[in-house]
């Protein structure tokens, strides 16, 4: 997000250092444990948690998170 703001492709009402933590608190998002190092997989886990959706995966690292998995 910071790169997009600096390039002018994304406008936010505050600096990313202020905006992002405020949004995380607002939506009750907690930091994920570091079970998985892949940022895309971590994003899928976070989305699955927020939207209460299962994730289709065989990845044993993803299964360590508090999210339903299928496979």
Protein backbone atom coordinates (compact mmCIF):
# COMPACT_ATOMS: atom_id res chain seq x y z
CA UNK A 1 0.00 0.00 0.00
CA UNK A 2 2.81 2.36 0.84
CA UNK A 3 4.32 1.92 -2.62
CA UNK A 4 0.97 2.63 -4.26
CA UNK A 5 0.48 5.78 -2.16
CA UNK A 6 3.97 7.05 -2.96
CA UNK A 7 3.45 6.40 -6.67
CA UNK A 8 0.17 8.33 -6.62
CA UNK A 9 -1.91 5.29 -7.56
CA UNK A 10 -3.69 5.09 -4.20
CA UNK A 11 -5.07 7.87 -2.07
CA UNK A 12 -5.59 7.36 1.64
CA UNK A 13 -7.04 9.77 4.22
CA UNK A 14 -3.84 9.48 6.32
CA UNK A 15 -0.25 8.27 6.04
CA UNK A 16 0.00 4.49 5.71
CA UNK A 17 1.87 4.28 9.04
CA UNK A 18 -1.24 5.73 10.69
CA UNK A 19 -4.00 4.45 8.42
CA UNK A 20 -3.11 0.74 8.32
CA UNK A 21 -2.80 0.17 12.11
CA UNK A 22 -6.03 2.14 12.66
CA UNK A 23 -7.89 -0.05 10.15
CA UNK A 24 -6.51 -3.23 11.69
CA UNK A 25 -7.78 -2.15 15.10
CA UNK A 26 -11.12 -1.01 13.64
CA UNK A 27 -11.76 -4.40 12.03
CA UNK A 28 -10.36 -6.42 14.93
CA UNK A 29 -7.58 -7.98 12.87
CA UNK A 30 -4.85 -9.55 14.94
CA UNK A 31 -1.33 -10.30 13.80
CA UNK A 32 -1.04 -13.80 12.41
CA UNK A 33 1.48 -16.15 14.00
CA UNK A 34 4.49 -16.75 11.76
CA UNK A 35 3.58 -20.32 10.80
CA UNK A 36 3.79 -19.49 7.11
CA UNK A 37 6.29 -17.20 5.38
CA UNK A 38 4.44 -16.75 2.08
CA UNK A 39 2.65 -13.38 2.17
CA UNK A 40 -0.03 -14.48 -0.31
CA UNK A 41 -0.92 -17.53 1.78
CA UNK A 42 -1.01 -15.38 4.91
CA UNK A 43 -3.36 -12.99 3.11
CA UNK A 44 -5.65 -15.91 2.22
CA UNK A 45 -5.65 -17.04 5.85
CA UNK A 46 -6.52 -13.54 7.05
CA UNK A 47 -9.32 -13.22 4.50
CA UNK A 48 -10.65 -16.65 5.45
CA UNK A 49 -10.71 -15.63 9.10
CA UNK A 50 -12.38 -12.27 8.50
CA UNK A 51 -15.01 -13.62 6.11
CA UNK A 52 -15.37 -16.97 7.92
CA UNK A 53 -14.61 -18.89 4.73
CA UNK A 54 -12.72 -22.19 4.41
CA UNK A 55 -9.47 -22.41 2.47
CA UNK A 56 -8.89 -25.23 0.02
CA UNK A 57 -5.30 -26.35 0.61
CA UNK A 58 -3.03 -29.27 1.34
CA UNK A 59 -0.42 -26.98 2.90
CA UNK A 60 0.24 -28.17 6.47
CA UNK A 61 1.49 -24.71 7.47
CA UNK A 62 -1.85 -23.11 6.59
CA UNK A 63 -3.66 -25.73 8.66
CA UNK A 64 -1.90 -24.44 11.79
CA UNK A 65 -3.95 -21.24 11.66
CA UNK A 66 -7.39 -20.73 13.16
CA UNK A 67 -9.17 -21.11 9.82
CA UNK A 68 -11.16 -23.98 8.37
CA UNK A 69 -9.34 -25.90 5.65
CA UNK A 70 -10.66 -28.33 3.07
CA UNK A 71 -8.69 -31.15 1.41
